[in-house]
Amino acid sequence: MKEELIARVVQVLRINMSWMTWNLFLAFIPLALSVWLFRFKRGGSWLWWLGFLVFYAFLPNAPYLLTDVIHLIDDIRTIQSVWMITLVLIPVYLLVILSGFEAYVISLINWGYYLHRIGKSQWIWRVELITHFLCAVGVYWGRFLRFNSWDFITQPDAVLTKGVEEILGKQPLVIIAITFVVLAGLYWIMKRVTLGLSQRDSRIGINSGRTNSNTPNI
């Protein structure tokens, strides 16, 4: 019985590993772009603006992982073992979903860093709210209309016509509004946790540097 249960868990994880890996890859594309755009580059060139557009096209893939919880519900029904669900399945899903959302958080932190660097700090919270809304729309398009980021290039007419038409309905607007609130709330929490941890690490590094500077060189 245990062997059958373990085999079933391994099978479920093996099936999930393909889409989990792919979705995480898509989530880390905007993170990588945010480092290049907002940490190492200064805007103005056509290449920067092209990267900026690609950044926003792929950014919804990071919070999109939150919606993959629907797969967890299906897997729970398949396995039907409290211990396996608690010790294996839920931790794996939490790791994947939180990793994707953390990529979203760091991407926006990098965006805010860039705004601060060019003297536009007052725009940070506005940009964050606009981004949450755009990503809420993107998540809806991806989950319900099955659009992908590259559809902006391959079928822009469908994105603009079908995508806009769909979000004007009452139900889509409610879903987008709920998604916006969830994104804004989780981002507010995880941004503070992330910045708090980074500042703590910086203080530790400074203190370590001071300690090492007092030790004689060998």
N, C-alpha and C. Protein backbone atom coordinates (compact mmCIF):
# COMPACT_ATOMS: atom_id res chain seq x y z
N MET A 1 0.83 -1.21 0.00
CA MET A 1 0.00 0.00 0.00
C MET A 1 0.86 1.26 0.00
N LYS A 2 1.92 1.26 0.87
CA LYS A 2 2.81 2.40 0.93
C LYS A 2 3.58 2.58 -0.37
N GLU A 3 4.00 1.43 -0.93
CA GLU A 3 4.75 1.50 -2.18
C GLU A 3 3.88 2.09 -3.29
N GLU A 4 2.62 1.71 -3.33
CA GLU A 4 1.71 2.23 -4.35
C GLU A 4 1.49 3.74 -4.16
N LEU A 5 1.38 4.16 -2.90
CA LEU A 5 1.15 5.56 -2.61
C LEU A 5 2.37 6.39 -3.00
N ILE A 6 3.56 5.90 -2.65
CA ILE A 6 4.79 6.62 -3.00
C ILE A 6 4.95 6.69 -4.51
N ALA A 7 4.63 5.60 -5.19
CA ALA A 7 4.71 5.58 -6.65
C ALA A 7 3.75 6.59 -7.27
N ARG A 8 2.58 6.73 -6.67
CA ARG A 8 1.59 7.69 -7.17
C ARG A 8 2.08 9.12 -6.97
N VAL A 9 2.70 9.40 -5.80
CA VAL A 9 3.23 10.74 -5.53
C VAL A 9 4.35 11.07 -6.51
N VAL A 10 5.25 10.11 -6.74
CA VAL A 10 6.35 10.32 -7.68
C VAL A 10 5.81 10.59 -9.08
N GLN A 11 4.78 9.87 -9.46
CA GLN A 11 4.18 10.06 -10.78
C GLN A 11 3.56 11.46 -10.90
N VAL A 12 2.86 11.90 -9.85
CA VAL A 12 2.25 13.23 -9.87
C VAL A 12 3.32 14.31 -9.95
N LEU A 13 4.39 14.16 -9.16
CA LEU A 13 5.46 15.15 -9.17
C LEU A 13 6.18 15.17 -10.51
N ARG A 14 6.35 14.00 -11.10
CA ARG A 14 7.02 13.93 -12.40
C ARG A 14 6.20 14.64 -13.48
N ILE A 15 4.89 14.46 -13.43
CA ILE A 15 4.01 15.14 -14.39
C ILE A 15 4.05 16.65 -14.17
N ASN A 16 4.03 17.07 -12.89
CA ASN A 16 4.01 18.49 -12.58
C ASN A 16 5.34 19.18 -12.86
N MET A 17 6.42 18.41 -12.82
CA MET A 17 7.74 19.01 -12.94
C MET A 17 7.92 19.74 -14.26
N SER A 18 7.29 19.26 -15.32
CA SER A 18 7.47 19.88 -16.63
C SER A 18 6.86 21.29 -16.65
N TRP A 19 5.59 21.41 -16.23
CA TRP A 19 4.97 22.73 -16.28
C TRP A 19 5.50 23.64 -15.17
N MET A 20 5.90 23.06 -14.02
CA MET A 20 6.48 23.88 -12.97
C MET A 20 7.79 24.51 -13.43
N THR A 21 8.64 23.70 -14.06
CA THR A 21 9.92 24.20 -14.56
C THR A 21 9.72 25.26 -15.62
N TRP A 22 8.78 25.02 -16.53
CA TRP A 22 8.52 25.97 -17.61
C TRP A 22 7.96 27.28 -17.06
N ASN A 23 7.01 27.19 -16.14
CA ASN A 23 6.41 28.41 -15.57
C ASN A 23 7.42 29.21 -14.75
N LEU A 24 8.31 28.50 -14.05
CA LEU A 24 9.35 29.20 -13.30
C LEU A 24 10.34 29.88 -14.25
N PHE A 25 10.64 29.22 -15.35
CA PHE A 25 11.52 29.81 -16.35
C PHE A 25 10.93 31.12 -16.88
N LEU A 26 9.64 31.09 -17.20
CA LEU A 26 8.96 32.30 -17.68
C LEU A 26 8.93 33.39 -16.60
N ALA A 27 8.79 32.97 -15.34
CA ALA A 27 8.73 33.94 -14.24
C ALA A 27 10.08 34.62 -14.02
N PHE A 28 11.17 33.92 -14.31
CA PHE A 28 12.50 34.48 -14.07
C PHE A 28 13.01 35.30 -15.24
N ILE A 29 12.32 35.27 -16.38
CA ILE A 29 12.71 36.12 -17.50
C ILE A 29 12.59 37.60 -17.13
N PRO A 30 11.44 38.07 -16.61
CA PRO A 30 11.36 39.49 -16.21
C PRO A 30 12.32 39.83 -15.08
N LEU A 31 12.62 38.89 -14.21
CA LEU A 31 13.58 39.16 -13.14
C LEU A 31 14.96 39.45 -13.73
N ALA A 32 15.39 38.61 -14.67
CA ALA A 32 16.68 38.82 -15.31
C ALA A 32 16.69 40.15 -16.07
N LEU A 33 15.59 40.44 -16.76
CA LEU A 33 15.50 41.70 -17.49
C LEU A 33 15.52 42.90 -16.56
N SER A 34 14.89 42.76 -15.39
CA SER A 34 14.86 43.88 -14.45
C SER A 34 16.26 44.21 -13.94
N VAL A 35 17.08 43.19 -13.76
CA VAL A 35 18.46 43.43 -13.32
C VAL A 35 19.22 44.18 -14.41
N TRP A 36 19.06 43.74 -15.65
CA TRP A 36 19.76 44.38 -16.77
C TRP A 36 19.25 45.79 -17.02
N LEU A 37 17.94 45.98 -16.99
CA LEU A 37 17.34 47.27 -17.31
C LEU A 37 17.53 48.31 -16.21
N PHE A 38 17.30 47.88 -14.97
CA PHE A 38 17.17 48.84 -13.88
C PHE A 38 18.39 48.92 -12.97
N ARG A 39 19.28 47.97 -13.08
CA ARG A 39 20.48 47.99 -12.24
C ARG A 39 21.73 48.38 -13.02
N PHE A 40 21.83 47.92 -14.27
CA PHE A 40 23.06 48.12 -15.02
C PHE A 40 22.93 49.10 -16.18
N LYS A 41 21.70 49.40 -16.59
CA LYS A 41 21.51 50.25 -17.76
C LYS A 41 20.79 51.54 -17.37
N ARG A 42 20.89 52.52 -18.24
CA ARG A 42 20.13 53.75 -18.09
C ARG A 42 19.28 53.93 -19.33
N GLY A 43 18.00 54.25 -19.14
CA GLY A 43 17.06 54.31 -20.25
C GLY A 43 17.39 55.37 -21.28
N GLY A 44 16.78 55.21 -22.44
CA GLY A 44 16.97 56.20 -23.49
C GLY A 44 17.20 55.57 -24.85
N SER A 45 17.95 54.48 -24.88
CA SER A 45 18.25 53.82 -26.14
C SER A 45 17.06 52.97 -26.58
N TRP A 46 17.02 52.69 -27.90
CA TRP A 46 15.94 51.86 -28.42
C TRP A 46 16.03 50.45 -27.86
N LEU A 47 17.25 49.97 -27.58
CA LEU A 47 17.41 48.63 -27.03
C LEU A 47 16.83 48.55 -25.62
N TRP A 48 17.01 49.62 -24.84
CA TRP A 48 16.47 49.64 -23.48
C TRP A 48 14.94 49.60 -23.53
N TRP A 49 14.35 50.41 -24.41
CA TRP A 49 12.90 50.44 -24.51
C TRP A 49 12.34 49.11 -25.01
N LEU A 50 13.06 48.46 -25.91
CA LEU A 50 12.63 47.14 -26.38
C LEU A 50 12.66 46.15 -25.22
N GLY A 51 13.74 46.17 -24.44
CA GLY A 51 13.82 45.30 -23.27
C GLY A 51 12.74 45.62 -22.25
N PHE A 52 12.40 46.90 -22.12
CA PHE A 52 11.35 47.33 -21.18
C PHE A 52 10.00 46.76 -21.59
N LEU A 53 9.68 46.78 -22.88
CA LEU A 53 8.42 46.22 -23.37
C LEU A 53 8.38 44.71 -23.17
N VAL A 54 9.50 44.05 -23.43
CA VAL A 54 9.57 42.60 -23.20
C VAL A 54 9.41 42.29 -21.72
N PHE A 55 10.00 43.13 -20.88
CA PHE A 55 9.88 42.97 -19.43
C PHE A 55 8.43 42.97 -18.99
N TYR A 56 7.65 43.95 -19.47
CA TYR A 56 6.24 44.03 -19.08
C TYR A 56 5.40 42.94 -19.73
N ALA A 57 5.81 42.48 -20.91
CA ALA A 57 5.07 41.41 -21.56
C ALA A 57 5.20 40.10 -20.79
N PHE A 58 6.37 39.87 -20.20
CA PHE A 58 6.60 38.62 -19.48
C PHE A 58 6.34 38.71 -17.98
N LEU A 59 6.24 39.92 -17.44
CA LEU A 59 6.08 40.08 -16.00
C LEU A 59 4.87 39.35 -15.42
N PRO A 60 3.69 39.32 -16.07
CA PRO A 60 2.56 38.59 -15.48
C PRO A 60 2.81 37.10 -15.26
N ASN A 61 3.82 36.54 -15.93
CA ASN A 61 4.12 35.11 -15.73
C ASN A 61 4.57 34.81 -14.30
N ALA A 62 5.13 35.80 -13.62
CA ALA A 62 5.59 35.59 -12.24
C ALA A 62 4.42 35.44 -11.26
N PRO A 63 3.49 36.40 -11.19
CA PRO A 63 2.34 36.20 -10.30
C PRO A 63 1.35 35.17 -10.82
N TYR A 64 1.45 34.82 -12.10
CA TYR A 64 0.57 33.80 -12.67
C TYR A 64 0.69 32.47 -11.92
N LEU A 65 1.87 32.22 -11.36
CA LEU A 65 2.08 30.97 -10.62
C LEU A 65 1.14 30.83 -9.43
N LEU A 66 0.62 31.94 -8.93
CA LEU A 66 -0.35 31.86 -7.83
C LEU A 66 -1.58 31.07 -8.24
N THR A 67 -1.96 31.16 -9.50
CA THR A 67 -3.17 30.47 -9.97
C THR A 67 -2.94 28.98 -10.16
N ASP A 68 -1.68 28.54 -10.12
CA ASP A 68 -1.40 27.11 -10.29
C ASP A 68 -1.83 26.30 -9.07
N VAL A 69 -2.37 26.97 -8.07
CA VAL A 69 -2.90 26.26 -6.91
C VAL A 69 -4.06 25.35 -7.32
N ILE A 70 -4.68 25.62 -8.47
CA ILE A 70 -5.76 24.75 -8.93
C ILE A 70 -5.24 23.35 -9.23
N HIS A 71 -3.97 23.25 -9.66
CA HIS A 71 -3.37 21.93 -9.89
C HIS A 71 -3.16 21.20 -8.57
N LEU A 72 -2.85 21.96 -7.52
CA LEU A 72 -2.69 21.35 -6.20
C LEU A 72 -3.97 20.69 -5.74
N ILE A 73 -5.10 21.34 -5.99
CA ILE A 73 -6.39 20.78 -5.61
C ILE A 73 -6.64 19.46 -6.33
N ASP A 74 -6.32 19.42 -7.62
CA ASP A 74 -6.49 18.18 -8.38
C ASP A 74 -5.57 17.08 -7.87
N ASP A 75 -4.32 17.46 -7.54
CA ASP A 75 -3.37 16.46 -7.04
C ASP A 75 -3.77 15.91 -5.67
N ILE A 76 -4.35 16.76 -4.83
CA ILE A 76 -4.82 16.31 -3.52
C ILE A 76 -5.91 15.27 -3.68
N ARG A 77 -6.79 15.48 -4.64
CA ARG A 77 -7.84 14.49 -4.90
C ARG A 77 -7.27 13.19 -5.42
N THR A 78 -6.15 13.27 -6.14
CA THR A 78 -5.54 12.07 -6.71
C THR A 78 -4.81 11.25 -5.67
N ILE A 79 -4.05 11.92 -4.80
CA ILE A 79 -3.21 11.20 -3.83
C ILE A 79 -4.01 10.71 -2.63
N GLN A 80 -4.80 11.60 -2.04
CA GLN A 80 -5.67 11.24 -0.91
C GLN A 80 -4.89 10.64 0.26
N SER A 81 -3.77 11.25 0.58
CA SER A 81 -2.99 10.85 1.75
C SER A 81 -2.56 12.11 2.48
N VAL A 82 -3.04 12.26 3.72
CA VAL A 82 -2.78 13.49 4.46
C VAL A 82 -1.28 13.71 4.65
N TRP A 83 -0.53 12.65 4.95
CA TRP A 83 0.90 12.79 5.20
C TRP A 83 1.67 13.16 3.95
N MET A 84 1.37 12.50 2.85
CA MET A 84 2.05 12.80 1.59
C MET A 84 1.70 14.20 1.10
N ILE A 85 0.45 14.58 1.28
CA ILE A 85 0.02 15.92 0.87
C ILE A 85 0.72 16.99 1.70
N THR A 86 0.81 16.75 3.03
CA THR A 86 1.38 17.73 3.95
C THR A 86 2.90 17.82 3.83
N LEU A 87 3.56 16.67 3.69
CA LEU A 87 5.02 16.63 3.75
C LEU A 87 5.70 16.74 2.39
N VAL A 88 4.98 16.44 1.32
CA VAL A 88 5.60 16.44 -0.01
C VAL A 88 4.92 17.44 -0.95
N LEU A 89 3.64 17.24 -1.15
CA LEU A 89 2.94 17.99 -2.20
C LEU A 89 2.87 19.49 -1.89
N ILE A 90 2.37 19.84 -0.71
CA ILE A 90 2.21 21.25 -0.36
C ILE A 90 3.55 21.99 -0.32
N PRO A 91 4.61 21.42 0.29
CA PRO A 91 5.91 22.12 0.26
C PRO A 91 6.43 22.37 -1.15
N VAL A 92 6.26 21.41 -2.06
CA VAL A 92 6.72 21.60 -3.44
C VAL A 92 5.96 22.75 -4.09
N TYR A 93 4.65 22.76 -3.94
CA TYR A 93 3.85 23.83 -4.53
C TYR A 93 4.19 25.18 -3.90
N LEU A 94 4.37 25.22 -2.60
CA LEU A 94 4.73 26.47 -1.94
C LEU A 94 6.06 27.00 -2.45
N LEU A 95 7.02 26.11 -2.63
CA LEU A 95 8.33 26.52 -3.11
C LEU A 95 8.24 27.12 -4.51
N VAL A 96 7.49 26.47 -5.38
CA VAL A 96 7.36 26.95 -6.76
C VAL A 96 6.59 28.26 -6.81
N ILE A 97 5.44 28.32 -6.14
CA ILE A 97 4.59 29.52 -6.19
C ILE A 97 5.29 30.71 -5.55
N LEU A 98 5.91 30.51 -4.38
CA LEU A 98 6.59 31.62 -3.71
C LEU A 98 7.84 32.06 -4.48
N SER A 99 8.52 31.13 -5.13
CA SER A 99 9.68 31.51 -5.95
C SER A 99 9.25 32.40 -7.10
N GLY A 100 8.14 32.02 -7.75
CA GLY A 100 7.63 32.84 -8.84
C GLY A 100 7.21 34.22 -8.38
N PHE A 101 6.52 34.29 -7.24
CA PHE A 101 6.06 35.59 -6.77
C PHE A 101 7.22 36.43 -6.25
N GLU A 102 8.23 35.78 -5.69
CA GLU A 102 9.41 36.52 -5.24
C GLU A 102 10.14 37.14 -6.43
N ALA A 103 10.12 36.44 -7.56
CA ALA A 103 10.69 37.01 -8.78
C ALA A 103 9.94 38.29 -9.16
N TYR A 104 8.63 38.27 -8.97
CA TYR A 104 7.80 39.45 -9.24
C TYR A 104 8.16 40.59 -8.29
N VAL A 105 8.33 40.26 -7.02
CA VAL A 105 8.65 41.27 -6.01
C VAL A 105 10.00 41.92 -6.29
N ILE A 106 11.02 41.10 -6.54
CA ILE A 106 12.35 41.64 -6.79
C ILE A 106 12.39 42.45 -8.08
N SER A 107 11.62 42.01 -9.08
CA SER A 107 11.56 42.76 -10.34
C SER A 107 11.04 44.17 -10.11
N LEU A 108 9.99 44.30 -9.30
CA LEU A 108 9.43 45.62 -9.02
C LEU A 108 10.33 46.43 -8.09
N ILE A 109 11.03 45.75 -7.19
CA ILE A 109 11.99 46.46 -6.35
C ILE A 109 13.10 47.06 -7.22
N ASN A 110 13.56 46.30 -8.20
CA ASN A 110 14.57 46.82 -9.13
C ASN A 110 14.03 48.00 -9.94
N TRP A 111 12.77 47.93 -10.34
CA TRP A 111 12.11 49.00 -11.07
C TRP A 111 12.06 50.25 -10.19
N GLY A 112 11.70 50.06 -8.92
CA GLY A 112 11.67 51.18 -7.99
C GLY A 112 13.05 51.76 -7.74
N TYR A 113 14.06 50.91 -7.69
CA TYR A 113 15.44 51.37 -7.52
C TYR A 113 15.84 52.28 -8.68
N TYR A 114 15.42 51.89 -9.88
CA TYR A 114 15.75 52.70 -11.06
C TYR A 114 15.06 54.06 -10.99
N LEU A 115 13.79 54.07 -10.61
CA LEU A 115 13.07 55.33 -10.49
C LEU A 115 13.72 56.24 -9.44
N HIS A 116 14.15 55.63 -8.34
CA HIS A 116 14.84 56.41 -7.30
C HIS A 116 16.16 56.97 -7.84
N ARG A 117 16.85 56.18 -8.64
CA ARG A 117 18.15 56.59 -9.16
C ARG A 117 18.04 57.76 -10.12
N ILE A 118 16.94 57.84 -10.86
CA ILE A 118 16.77 58.94 -11.82
C ILE A 118 15.95 60.09 -11.21
N GLY A 119 15.73 60.05 -9.89
CA GLY A 119 15.06 61.15 -9.21
C GLY A 119 13.55 61.15 -9.33
N LYS A 120 12.95 59.98 -9.52
CA LYS A 120 11.49 59.87 -9.65
C LYS A 120 10.90 59.00 -8.54
N SER A 121 11.42 59.15 -7.35
CA SER A 121 10.98 58.29 -6.24
C SER A 121 9.48 58.43 -5.96
N GLN A 122 8.93 59.61 -6.22
CA GLN A 122 7.51 59.83 -5.94
C GLN A 122 6.62 59.00 -6.84
N TRP A 123 7.17 58.43 -7.92
CA TRP A 123 6.39 57.63 -8.86
C TRP A 123 6.39 56.14 -8.51
N ILE A 124 7.16 55.74 -7.52
CA ILE A 124 7.32 54.31 -7.26
C ILE A 124 6.00 53.65 -6.91
N TRP A 125 5.24 54.20 -5.97
CA TRP A 125 3.99 53.56 -5.55
C TRP A 125 2.96 53.59 -6.67
N ARG A 126 2.98 54.64 -7.51
CA ARG A 126 2.06 54.70 -8.64
C ARG A 126 2.39 53.62 -9.67
N VAL A 127 3.67 53.48 -9.95
CA VAL A 127 4.12 52.46 -10.91
C VAL A 127 3.77 51.07 -10.38
N GLU A 128 3.93 50.87 -9.09
CA GLU A 128 3.60 49.56 -8.51
C GLU A 128 2.12 49.25 -8.67
N LEU A 129 1.26 50.21 -8.38
CA LEU A 129 -0.19 49.98 -8.51
C LEU A 129 -0.58 49.73 -9.97
N ILE A 130 -0.02 50.51 -10.89
CA ILE A 130 -0.31 50.30 -12.31
C ILE A 130 0.16 48.93 -12.75
N THR A 131 1.32 48.53 -12.27
CA THR A 131 1.86 47.21 -12.63
C THR A 131 1.00 46.09 -12.08
N HIS A 132 0.52 46.24 -10.84
CA HIS A 132 -0.38 45.23 -10.27
C HIS A 132 -1.63 45.07 -11.14
N PHE A 133 -2.18 46.20 -11.59
CA PHE A 133 -3.38 46.14 -12.41
C PHE A 133 -3.09 45.47 -13.75
N LEU A 134 -2.01 45.87 -14.41
CA LEU A 134 -1.65 45.28 -15.70
C LEU A 134 -1.39 43.78 -15.57
N CYS A 135 -0.74 43.40 -14.48
CA CYS A 135 -0.47 41.97 -14.27
C CYS A 135 -1.74 41.21 -13.92
N ALA A 136 -2.67 41.86 -13.23
CA ALA A 136 -3.96 41.21 -12.95
C ALA A 136 -4.69 40.91 -14.25
N VAL A 137 -4.64 41.86 -15.18
CA VAL A 137 -5.23 41.63 -16.51
C VAL A 137 -4.48 40.52 -17.22
N GLY A 138 -3.15 40.55 -17.15
CA GLY A 138 -2.34 39.53 -17.81
C GLY A 138 -2.59 38.14 -17.25
N VAL A 139 -2.75 38.05 -15.93
CA VAL A 139 -3.04 36.76 -15.30
C VAL A 139 -4.40 36.23 -15.78
N TYR A 140 -5.37 37.13 -15.88
CA TYR A 140 -6.69 36.72 -16.38
C TYR A 140 -6.59 36.23 -17.82
N TRP A 141 -5.89 36.98 -18.65
CA TRP A 141 -5.71 36.56 -20.05
C TRP A 141 -5.04 35.19 -20.13
N GLY A 142 -4.03 34.98 -19.29
CA GLY A 142 -3.30 33.72 -19.34
C GLY A 142 -4.10 32.54 -18.82
N ARG A 143 -4.82 32.73 -17.72
CA ARG A 143 -5.54 31.62 -17.09
C ARG A 143 -6.84 31.29 -17.81
N PHE A 144 -7.58 32.31 -18.22
CA PHE A 144 -8.91 32.07 -18.78
C PHE A 144 -8.95 32.12 -20.31
N LEU A 145 -8.14 32.97 -20.91
CA LEU A 145 -8.12 33.08 -22.37
C LEU A 145 -6.95 32.33 -22.99
N ARG A 146 -6.05 31.83 -22.15
CA ARG A 146 -4.90 31.03 -22.58
C ARG A 146 -3.97 31.80 -23.50
N PHE A 147 -3.84 33.10 -23.29
CA PHE A 147 -2.86 33.88 -24.04
C PHE A 147 -1.49 33.71 -23.41
N ASN A 148 -0.46 33.80 -24.24
CA ASN A 148 0.92 33.76 -23.78
C ASN A 148 1.58 35.11 -24.04
N SER A 149 2.73 35.32 -23.41
CA SER A 149 3.42 36.61 -23.56
C SER A 149 3.79 36.88 -25.01
N TRP A 150 4.19 35.85 -25.74
CA TRP A 150 4.62 36.05 -27.13
C TRP A 150 3.46 36.28 -28.08
N ASP A 151 2.22 36.14 -27.58
CA ASP A 151 1.07 36.42 -28.43
C ASP A 151 0.97 37.90 -28.80
N PHE A 152 1.65 38.75 -28.02
CA PHE A 152 1.70 40.16 -28.38
C PHE A 152 2.40 40.36 -29.73
N ILE A 153 3.27 39.40 -30.09
CA ILE A 153 3.98 39.47 -31.36
C ILE A 153 3.31 38.61 -32.42
N THR A 154 2.92 37.38 -32.03
CA THR A 154 2.40 36.42 -33.01
C THR A 154 0.95 36.70 -33.41
N GLN A 155 0.13 37.16 -32.46
CA GLN A 155 -1.26 37.48 -32.78
C GLN A 155 -1.75 38.69 -31.98
N PRO A 156 -1.16 39.85 -32.24
CA PRO A 156 -1.54 41.06 -31.48
C PRO A 156 -3.00 41.46 -31.70
N ASP A 157 -3.55 41.14 -32.87
CA ASP A 157 -4.95 41.50 -33.13
C ASP A 157 -5.89 40.75 -32.21
N ALA A 158 -5.59 39.46 -31.96
CA ALA A 158 -6.43 38.66 -31.06
C ALA A 158 -6.33 39.17 -29.63
N VAL A 159 -5.13 39.55 -29.22
CA VAL A 159 -4.94 40.07 -27.86
C VAL A 159 -5.73 41.36 -27.67
N LEU A 160 -5.68 42.24 -28.65
CA LEU A 160 -6.33 43.54 -28.53
C LEU A 160 -7.85 43.45 -28.66
N THR A 161 -8.32 42.55 -29.53
CA THR A 161 -9.77 42.46 -29.74
C THR A 161 -10.43 41.53 -28.71
N LYS A 162 -10.08 40.27 -28.76
CA LYS A 162 -10.68 39.30 -27.84
C LYS A 162 -10.33 39.61 -26.40
N GLY A 163 -9.06 39.98 -26.18
CA GLY A 163 -8.63 40.26 -24.81
C GLY A 163 -9.37 41.42 -24.20
N VAL A 164 -9.49 42.51 -24.94
CA VAL A 164 -10.20 43.69 -24.43
C VAL A 164 -11.68 43.43 -24.28
N GLU A 165 -12.28 42.74 -25.24
CA GLU A 165 -13.71 42.44 -25.17
C GLU A 165 -14.04 41.60 -23.93
N GLU A 166 -13.18 40.62 -23.65
CA GLU A 166 -13.45 39.71 -22.55
C GLU A 166 -13.40 40.40 -21.19
N ILE A 167 -12.44 41.31 -21.02
CA ILE A 167 -12.27 41.90 -19.69
C ILE A 167 -13.32 42.98 -19.39
N LEU A 168 -14.15 43.32 -20.36
CA LEU A 168 -15.17 44.33 -20.13
C LEU A 168 -16.44 43.76 -19.50
N GLY A 169 -16.53 42.44 -19.41
CA GLY A 169 -17.69 41.83 -18.78
C GLY A 169 -17.65 41.95 -17.27
N LYS A 170 -18.78 41.75 -16.63
CA LYS A 170 -18.88 41.91 -15.18
C LYS A 170 -18.02 40.89 -14.44
N GLN A 171 -18.12 39.62 -14.83
CA GLN A 171 -17.35 38.58 -14.14
C GLN A 171 -15.85 38.76 -14.30
N PRO A 172 -15.35 39.01 -15.52
CA PRO A 172 -13.91 39.26 -15.66
C PRO A 172 -13.42 40.43 -14.83
N LEU A 173 -14.19 41.50 -14.77
CA LEU A 173 -13.79 42.67 -13.99
C LEU A 173 -13.69 42.33 -12.50
N VAL A 174 -14.62 41.50 -12.01
CA VAL A 174 -14.58 41.08 -10.61
C VAL A 174 -13.33 40.24 -10.35
N ILE A 175 -13.04 39.30 -11.26
CA ILE A 175 -11.86 38.45 -11.11
C ILE A 175 -10.58 39.28 -11.15
N ILE A 176 -10.52 40.23 -12.09
CA ILE A 176 -9.34 41.09 -12.20
C ILE A 176 -9.19 41.95 -10.94
N ALA A 177 -10.31 42.46 -10.41
CA ALA A 177 -10.26 43.27 -9.20
C ALA A 177 -9.75 42.46 -8.01
N ILE A 178 -10.25 41.23 -7.86
CA ILE A 178 -9.78 40.36 -6.77
C ILE A 178 -8.31 40.05 -6.94
N THR A 179 -7.90 39.74 -8.17
CA THR A 179 -6.49 39.45 -8.45
C THR A 179 -5.61 40.65 -8.11
N PHE A 180 -6.08 41.85 -8.46
CA PHE A 180 -5.34 43.07 -8.15
C PHE A 180 -5.13 43.22 -6.64
N VAL A 181 -6.19 43.00 -5.87
CA VAL A 181 -6.09 43.14 -4.42
C VAL A 181 -5.12 42.11 -3.84
N VAL A 182 -5.20 40.87 -4.36
CA VAL A 182 -4.30 39.81 -3.88
C VAL A 182 -2.85 40.16 -4.21
N LEU A 183 -2.60 40.60 -5.44
CA LEU A 183 -1.25 40.96 -5.84
C LEU A 183 -0.71 42.12 -5.00
N ALA A 184 -1.53 43.15 -4.83
CA ALA A 184 -1.09 44.31 -4.06
C ALA A 184 -0.81 43.94 -2.60
N GLY A 185 -1.68 43.12 -2.01
CA GLY A 185 -1.49 42.73 -0.61
C GLY A 185 -0.27 41.86 -0.40
N LEU A 186 -0.13 40.82 -1.23
CA LEU A 186 1.03 39.94 -1.11
C LEU A 186 2.33 40.67 -1.42
N TYR A 187 2.28 41.54 -2.41
CA TYR A 187 3.48 42.30 -2.76
C TYR A 187 3.90 43.20 -1.60
N TRP A 188 2.93 43.87 -0.97
CA TRP A 188 3.23 44.76 0.15
C TRP A 188 3.93 43.99 1.28
N ILE A 189 3.46 42.77 1.54
CA ILE A 189 4.05 41.96 2.61
C ILE A 189 5.44 41.47 2.22
N MET A 190 5.55 40.87 1.04
CA MET A 190 6.80 40.24 0.64
C MET A 190 7.87 41.28 0.30
N LYS A 191 7.45 42.47 -0.12
CA LYS A 191 8.44 43.52 -0.37
C LYS A 191 9.13 43.90 0.93
N ARG A 192 8.36 44.05 1.99
CA ARG A 192 8.94 44.41 3.27
C ARG A 192 9.82 43.30 3.83
N VAL A 193 9.40 42.06 3.64
CA VAL A 193 10.22 40.93 4.10
C VAL A 193 11.53 40.89 3.32
N THR A 194 11.44 41.05 2.00
CA THR A 194 12.63 41.00 1.16
C THR A 194 13.60 42.13 1.48
N LEU A 195 13.08 43.36 1.60
CA LEU A 195 13.93 44.50 1.92
C LEU A 195 14.51 44.37 3.32
N GLY A 196 13.70 43.84 4.24
CA GLY A 196 14.20 43.64 5.60
C GLY A 196 15.35 42.66 5.65
N LEU A 197 15.22 41.55 4.92
CA LEU A 197 16.29 40.56 4.88
C LEU A 197 17.54 41.10 4.20
N SER A 198 17.36 41.85 3.11
CA SER A 198 18.52 42.41 2.41
C SER A 198 19.24 43.43 3.27
N GLN A 199 18.49 44.25 4.01
CA GLN A 199 19.12 45.23 4.89
C GLN A 199 19.84 44.56 6.05
N ARG A 200 19.26 43.46 6.54
CA ARG A 200 19.93 42.72 7.61
C ARG A 200 21.23 42.12 7.12
N ASP A 201 21.21 41.56 5.91
CA ASP A 201 22.43 40.98 5.35
C ASP A 201 23.48 42.05 5.11
N SER A 202 23.02 43.25 4.72
CA SER A 202 23.96 44.36 4.51
C SER A 202 24.62 44.76 5.82
N ARG A 203 23.82 44.83 6.89
CA ARG A 203 24.38 45.19 8.19
C ARG A 203 25.36 44.13 8.67
N ILE A 204 25.03 42.86 8.44
CA ILE A 204 25.94 41.78 8.84
C ILE A 204 27.24 41.89 8.06
N GLY A 205 27.12 42.20 6.76
CA GLY A 205 28.32 42.34 5.94
C GLY A 205 29.19 43.50 6.39
N ILE A 206 28.55 44.61 6.77
CA ILE A 206 29.31 45.77 7.26
C ILE A 206 30.01 45.43 8.56
N ASN A 207 29.28 44.77 9.47
CA ASN A 207 29.88 44.41 10.76
C ASN A 207 31.01 43.42 10.58
N SER A 208 30.83 42.48 9.65
CA SER A 208 31.89 41.50 9.38
C SER A 208 33.11 42.19 8.81
N GLY A 209 32.86 43.18 7.95
CA GLY A 209 33.96 43.91 7.36
C GLY A 209 34.76 44.67 8.41
N ARG A 210 34.01 45.27 9.38
CA ARG A 210 34.69 45.98 10.45
C ARG A 210 35.51 45.04 11.33
N THR A 211 34.94 43.86 11.58
CA THR A 211 35.66 42.90 12.40
C THR A 211 36.92 42.43 11.70
N ASN A 212 36.78 42.13 10.40
CA ASN A 212 37.94 41.66 9.66
C ASN A 212 39.01 42.72 9.53
N SER A 213 38.58 43.99 9.47
CA SER A 213 39.57 45.06 9.33
C SER A 213 40.42 45.21 10.58
N ASN A 214 39.91 44.73 11.71
CA ASN A 214 40.66 44.85 12.96
C ASN A 214 41.58 43.67 13.21
N THR A 215 41.42 42.63 12.40
CA THR A 215 42.27 41.47 12.59
C THR A 215 43.52 41.63 11.79
N PRO A 216 44.67 41.19 12.31
CA PRO A 216 45.93 41.36 11.59
C PRO A 216 45.99 40.48 10.37
N ASN A 217 46.64 40.98 9.31
CA ASN A 217 46.82 40.19 8.10
C ASN A 217 47.88 39.14 8.31
N ILE A 218 47.59 37.96 7.79
CA ILE A 218 48.53 36.85 7.96
C ILE A 218 49.35 36.70 6.67
